[in-house]
Amino acid sequence: MQQTDTYSRIISGAMTWGSWGKKLSKNEMIDLMHHCIESGLTTFDHADIYGSYSTEADFGNAFAESGIKRADIQLISKCGIQMTRGRDNRLNHYQYDKDYIIWSAEQSLKKLHTDYLDLLLMHRPSPLMHPDEMAEAANSLLESGKIKTFGVSNFTPSQIAMLEKVIPVSGNQVEFSLTHDDPIYDGTLDDCIANKRMAMAWSPLGSMFREETEQTQRINKAMKPLMEKYGADESQLLLAWILKHPAKVFPVIGTTSKERISLAAKAMDMDLELQDWFALLVASQGHDVP
């Protein structure tokens, strides 16, 4: 299955690099790429829709002038969501026919200024997706060397099992954090462990810095002594909590702050003690384990 040692343990998510976020200039993107790599984050996560279909090209134009060797980084992208923003669609929908998947992947290659993607993910499951059609597209891209591996994002274990009747699924990128722990209980991470599938977590900090709720208040209280104990800030503890899971989850962080990236990288060296890990889980859930 997926050779996860290919990827950096923490992945840099590019969703907010362009027009959906910081609107970084070409030189700012080049500078940030170098900082990520120097910090040990050599894997960059994209999707065709980011920036309403513009961020891949912005990143690619910067990468082309960065002096960074393609072999020194890993590029992940996603396809399958058709949006009204950036395209002439009447409504948002999903599309997974063979020709569209191949065309989308080739567009990503062109925009990113690369000959191949290390991993192509089907972005969200469609009620109309057919595994044979998706497998034909994936096999064509794999055989031509345009993608190294094929995976999914936001798929359930049963949807992956359906796909795996016709093609290996190397990874699954899902929402997972201390404030959104469903993948621990709904079979998602069990599936990744059992099938040696790469598990990736988007929004790994969850709602901690977006909302103030009873849940986040409990977590903040539980983190206070741990911050002192581990010499870490809240975001590092949240990442360390994910990194301890036996599914070997790869957090995809969305920050464009050099300081936050450097701090995140240090979380890779943290190892929460067992009872500290459970203290955070209990704080999140609001009750002791059964």
Protein backbone atom coordinates (compact mmCIF):
# COMPACT_ATOMS: atom_id res chain seq x y z
CA MET A 1 0.00 0.00 0.00
CA GLN A 2 1.10 3.61 0.37
CA GLN A 3 4.77 4.25 1.21
CA THR A 4 4.10 6.87 3.86
CA ASP A 5 7.79 7.57 4.48
CA THR A 6 7.68 9.43 1.17
CA TYR A 7 5.80 12.30 2.81
CA SER A 8 6.70 14.78 5.55
CA ARG A 9 5.03 13.88 8.86
CA ILE A 10 3.25 17.24 8.85
CA ILE A 11 1.90 18.44 5.51
CA SER A 12 1.62 22.06 4.39
CA GLY A 13 -1.87 22.80 3.08
CA ALA A 14 -1.96 25.41 0.32
CA MET A 15 -5.68 26.24 0.46
CA THR A 16 -5.17 29.73 1.93
CA TRP A 17 -1.97 30.65 0.07
CA GLY A 18 -3.88 32.29 -2.79
CA SER A 19 -7.13 34.16 -3.32
CA TRP A 20 -9.04 32.20 -0.65
CA GLY A 21 -6.73 33.50 2.05
CA LYS A 22 -3.50 35.43 2.26
CA LYS A 23 -3.22 36.27 -1.45
CA LEU A 24 0.54 35.73 -1.31
CA SER A 25 2.65 37.19 -4.10
CA LYS A 26 4.92 34.97 -6.18
CA ASN A 27 7.97 35.95 -4.13
CA GLU A 28 6.11 35.41 -0.87
CA MET A 29 5.10 31.93 -2.02
CA ILE A 30 8.70 31.11 -2.98
CA ASP A 31 9.89 32.31 0.41
CA LEU A 32 7.23 30.27 2.21
CA MET A 33 8.01 27.12 0.21
CA HIS A 34 11.66 27.36 1.23
CA HIS A 35 10.72 27.94 4.86
CA CYS A 36 8.43 24.90 4.85
CA ILE A 37 11.16 22.70 3.40
CA GLU A 38 13.77 24.01 5.84
CA SER A 39 11.32 23.22 8.67
CA GLY A 40 10.87 19.66 7.44
CA LEU A 41 7.51 20.14 5.72
CA THR A 42 8.32 18.90 2.23
CA THR A 43 4.79 17.79 1.29
CA PHE A 44 2.31 20.33 -0.11
CA ASP A 45 -1.43 19.64 -0.26
CA HIS A 46 -3.57 21.16 -3.01
CA ALA A 47 -6.98 20.79 -4.61
CA ASP A 48 -8.06 22.01 -8.02
CA ILE A 49 -10.84 24.13 -6.46
CA TYR A 50 -8.59 26.15 -4.12
CA GLY A 51 -8.74 29.82 -4.94
CA SER A 52 -11.70 29.05 -7.22
CA TYR A 53 -9.35 27.02 -9.45
CA SER A 54 -6.50 29.57 -9.27
CA THR A 55 -4.19 28.60 -6.40
CA GLU A 56 -2.51 25.65 -8.11
CA ALA A 57 -1.37 27.97 -10.91
CA ASP A 58 -0.18 30.64 -8.47
CA PHE A 59 1.79 28.02 -6.52
CA GLY A 60 3.11 26.43 -9.71
CA ASN A 61 4.35 29.72 -11.13
CA ALA A 62 6.20 30.34 -7.86
CA PHE A 63 7.57 26.80 -7.74
CA ALA A 64 8.90 27.14 -11.31
CA GLU A 65 11.07 30.06 -10.19
CA SER A 66 11.92 28.77 -6.71
CA GLY A 67 14.98 26.71 -7.57
CA ILE A 68 13.48 23.83 -5.58
CA LYS A 69 14.07 20.41 -7.11
CA ARG A 70 10.91 18.46 -7.84
CA ALA A 71 12.41 15.36 -6.26
CA ASP A 72 12.82 17.22 -2.96
CA ILE A 73 9.08 17.84 -2.46
CA GLN A 74 5.84 15.90 -2.70
CA LEU A 75 2.70 17.29 -4.31
CA ILE A 76 -0.82 16.11 -3.46
CA SER A 77 -3.91 17.37 -5.26
CA LYS A 78 -7.60 16.57 -5.44
CA CYS A 79 -10.37 16.66 -8.03
CA GLY A 80 -14.05 15.86 -8.40
CA ILE A 81 -15.79 18.97 -7.04
CA GLN A 82 -17.36 21.18 -9.70
CA MET A 83 -17.97 24.69 -8.36
CA THR A 84 -19.85 27.68 -9.71
CA ARG A 85 -17.00 29.95 -8.63
CA GLY A 86 -14.32 29.91 -11.30
CA ARG A 87 -16.27 27.76 -13.75
CA ASP A 88 -19.44 27.99 -15.80
CA ASN A 89 -21.54 25.64 -13.65
CA ARG A 90 -25.17 26.20 -12.69
CA LEU A 91 -24.63 24.69 -9.23
CA ASN A 92 -21.96 22.98 -7.17
CA HIS A 93 -21.80 19.26 -7.88
CA TYR A 94 -19.43 16.28 -8.20
CA GLN A 95 -18.06 14.73 -11.38
CA TYR A 96 -16.14 11.46 -11.59
CA ASP A 97 -16.31 10.16 -15.15
CA LYS A 98 -13.06 8.86 -16.62
CA ASP A 99 -12.43 11.74 -19.03
CA TYR A 100 -13.05 14.38 -16.38
CA ILE A 101 -10.73 12.82 -13.80
CA ILE A 102 -7.93 12.52 -16.36
CA TRP A 103 -8.50 16.07 -17.61
CA SER A 104 -8.53 17.43 -14.04
CA ALA A 105 -5.28 15.68 -13.16
CA GLU A 106 -3.63 16.97 -16.33
CA GLN A 107 -4.81 20.50 -15.54
CA SER A 108 -3.25 20.22 -12.08
CA LEU A 109 0.04 19.05 -13.60
CA LYS A 110 0.07 21.96 -16.01
CA LYS A 111 -0.77 24.53 -13.32
CA LEU A 112 1.71 23.14 -10.79
CA HIS A 113 4.53 22.98 -13.40
CA THR A 114 5.19 19.33 -12.73
CA ASP A 115 5.19 16.06 -14.67
CA TYR A 116 3.55 14.04 -11.92
CA LEU A 117 1.56 14.17 -8.69
CA ASP A 118 2.78 12.06 -5.80
CA LEU A 119 -0.85 11.48 -4.80
CA LEU A 120 -4.17 12.30 -6.47
CA LEU A 121 -7.25 12.26 -4.24
CA MET A 122 -10.92 12.08 -5.17
CA HIS A 123 -12.09 15.09 -3.16
CA ARG A 124 -15.54 14.06 -1.90
CA PRO A 125 -17.71 11.03 -2.57
CA SER A 126 -20.48 11.46 -5.13
CA PRO A 127 -23.80 9.57 -4.97
CA LEU A 128 -23.30 8.87 -8.69
CA MET A 129 -19.67 7.71 -8.64
CA HIS A 130 -18.94 4.31 -10.14
CA PRO A 131 -15.77 2.46 -9.10
CA ASP A 132 -15.08 1.03 -12.58
CA GLU A 133 -15.11 4.48 -14.16
CA MET A 134 -12.85 5.93 -11.46
CA ALA A 135 -10.48 2.97 -11.69
CA GLU A 136 -10.13 3.34 -15.46
CA ALA A 137 -9.09 6.96 -15.00
CA ALA A 138 -6.73 6.20 -12.15
CA ASN A 139 -5.08 3.30 -13.97
CA SER A 140 -4.56 5.45 -17.05
CA LEU A 141 -2.89 8.15 -14.94
CA LEU A 142 -0.81 5.62 -13.01
CA GLU A 143 0.39 3.80 -16.14
CA SER A 144 1.38 7.05 -17.80
CA GLY A 145 3.32 8.14 -14.69
CA LYS A 146 1.21 11.28 -14.28
CA ILE A 147 0.33 10.21 -10.75
CA LYS A 148 2.36 7.99 -8.43
CA THR A 149 -0.53 6.92 -6.20
CA PHE A 150 -4.32 7.20 -6.03
CA GLY A 151 -6.46 7.98 -2.99
CA VAL A 152 -9.57 9.64 -1.65
CA SER A 153 -10.69 12.38 0.70
CA ASN A 154 -13.72 12.38 2.99
CA PHE A 155 -14.70 8.82 1.98
CA THR A 156 -16.23 6.30 4.38
CA PRO A 157 -14.69 2.84 4.86
CA SER A 158 -17.56 1.26 2.89
CA GLN A 159 -17.05 3.65 -0.03
CA ILE A 160 -13.33 2.83 -0.03
CA ALA A 161 -14.12 -0.90 0.11
CA MET A 162 -16.30 -0.46 -2.99
CA LEU A 163 -13.46 1.27 -4.83
CA GLU A 164 -10.92 -1.28 -3.70
CA LYS A 165 -12.78 -4.01 -5.55
CA VAL A 166 -11.21 -2.54 -8.68
CA ILE A 167 -8.27 -0.33 -7.62
CA PRO A 168 -6.00 0.08 -4.57
CA VAL A 169 -6.74 3.19 -2.51
CA SER A 170 -3.50 4.50 -1.02
CA GLY A 171 -4.82 7.14 1.36
CA ASN A 172 -7.81 8.92 2.86
CA GLN A 173 -7.78 12.57 3.94
CA VAL A 174 -10.55 13.39 6.41
CA GLU A 175 -11.51 15.99 8.98
CA PHE A 176 -9.90 14.91 12.25
CA SER A 177 -8.94 16.82 15.37
CA LEU A 178 -9.41 16.80 19.13
CA THR A 179 -12.71 18.68 18.66
CA HIS A 180 -13.79 16.42 15.76
CA ASP A 181 -12.85 12.88 16.74
CA ASP A 182 -15.41 10.94 14.65
CA PRO A 183 -12.73 9.11 12.60
CA ILE A 184 -11.62 7.31 15.77
CA TYR A 185 -15.09 5.82 16.20
CA ASP A 186 -16.65 5.52 12.73
CA GLY A 187 -14.12 3.03 11.35
CA THR A 188 -12.10 5.51 9.28
CA LEU A 189 -8.83 5.18 11.17
CA ASP A 190 -9.42 1.47 11.84
CA ASP A 191 -9.64 1.03 8.07
CA CYS A 192 -6.37 2.92 7.55
CA ILE A 193 -4.54 0.76 10.10
CA ALA A 194 -6.02 -2.52 8.87
CA ASN A 195 -5.25 -1.78 5.22
CA LYS A 196 -1.99 0.15 5.70
CA ARG A 197 -3.67 3.17 4.16
CA MET A 198 -2.19 6.65 4.60
CA ALA A 199 -4.41 8.69 6.94
CA MET A 200 -4.38 12.48 6.59
CA ALA A 201 -6.20 15.02 8.77
CA TRP A 202 -7.50 18.30 7.43
CA SER A 203 -8.40 21.03 9.95
CA PRO A 204 -6.21 19.32 12.59
CA LEU A 205 -6.63 22.17 15.08
CA GLY A 206 -10.41 21.80 14.87
CA SER A 207 -12.52 24.58 16.32
CA MET A 208 -10.04 25.53 19.06
CA PHE A 209 -9.09 28.89 17.60
CA ARG A 210 -12.38 29.56 15.79
CA GLU A 211 -15.00 29.19 18.49
CA GLU A 212 -15.40 29.49 22.23
CA THR A 213 -17.67 26.72 23.44
CA GLU A 214 -18.00 24.57 26.54
CA GLN A 215 -15.89 21.98 24.73
CA THR A 216 -13.04 24.36 23.87
CA GLN A 217 -13.14 25.81 27.39
CA ARG A 218 -12.72 22.33 28.87
CA ILE A 219 -9.84 21.58 26.50
CA ASN A 220 -8.11 24.86 27.27
CA LYS A 221 -8.31 24.10 30.99
CA ALA A 222 -6.87 20.61 30.46
CA MET A 223 -4.06 21.96 28.28
CA LYS A 224 -2.79 24.52 30.80
CA PRO A 225 -0.66 22.09 32.88
CA LEU A 226 0.41 20.20 29.75
CA MET A 227 1.72 23.36 28.09
CA GLU A 228 4.07 23.82 31.02
CA LYS A 229 4.95 20.12 31.23
CA TYR A 230 5.89 19.79 27.55
CA GLY A 231 7.06 23.35 26.93
CA ALA A 232 4.50 23.59 24.14
CA ASP A 233 1.71 25.88 23.00
CA GLU A 234 -1.89 24.87 22.31
CA SER A 235 -1.42 24.17 18.63
CA GLN A 236 1.57 21.92 19.27
CA LEU A 237 -0.39 19.89 21.83
CA LEU A 238 -3.29 19.53 19.39
CA LEU A 239 -0.93 18.24 16.70
CA ALA A 240 0.91 15.96 19.13
CA TRP A 241 -2.46 14.48 20.15
CA ILE A 242 -3.14 13.55 16.51
CA LEU A 243 0.41 12.32 15.88
CA LYS A 244 0.18 9.80 18.74
CA HIS A 245 -2.67 7.86 17.11
CA PRO A 246 -1.51 4.45 15.83
CA ALA A 247 -2.95 5.15 12.36
CA LYS A 248 0.09 7.42 11.89
CA VAL A 249 -2.10 10.33 10.84
CA PHE A 250 -0.49 13.09 8.77
CA PRO A 251 -1.90 16.49 9.85
CA VAL A 252 -2.41 18.98 7.01
CA ILE A 253 -1.82 22.42 8.51
CA GLY A 254 -3.25 25.49 6.83
CA THR A 255 -1.16 28.29 8.29
CA THR A 256 0.99 30.58 6.14
CA SER A 257 2.78 31.99 9.20
CA LYS A 258 6.47 31.06 9.29
CA GLU A 259 6.41 31.10 13.07
CA ARG A 260 3.41 28.74 13.23
CA ILE A 261 5.01 26.42 10.68
CA SER A 262 8.20 26.25 12.74
CA LEU A 263 6.21 25.51 15.90
CA ALA A 264 4.19 22.83 14.10
CA ALA A 265 7.38 21.15 12.95
CA LYS A 266 8.56 20.84 16.55
CA ALA A 267 5.37 18.92 17.40
CA MET A 268 6.79 16.04 15.36
CA ASP A 269 9.28 15.44 18.20
CA MET A 270 6.66 15.47 20.97
CA ASP A 271 5.34 12.27 22.50
CA LEU A 272 2.37 12.74 24.80
CA GLU A 273 2.24 10.36 27.74
CA LEU A 274 -0.69 7.97 27.63
CA GLN A 275 -2.71 9.56 30.44
CA ASP A 276 -2.07 13.07 29.06
CA TRP A 277 -3.50 11.94 25.71
CA PHE A 278 -6.60 10.61 27.44
CA ALA A 279 -6.88 13.74 29.60
CA LEU A 280 -7.34 15.76 26.40
CA LEU A 281 -9.83 13.25 24.98
CA VAL A 282 -11.89 13.35 28.18
CA ALA A 283 -11.83 17.16 28.17
CA SER A 284 -13.04 17.21 24.58
CA GLN A 285 -15.87 14.75 25.17
CA GLY A 286 -16.91 16.13 28.53
CA HIS A 287 -17.00 12.75 30.31
CA ASP A 288 -14.69 10.00 31.48
CA VAL A 289 -14.07 7.08 29.15
CA PRO A 290 -16.75 4.39 29.62
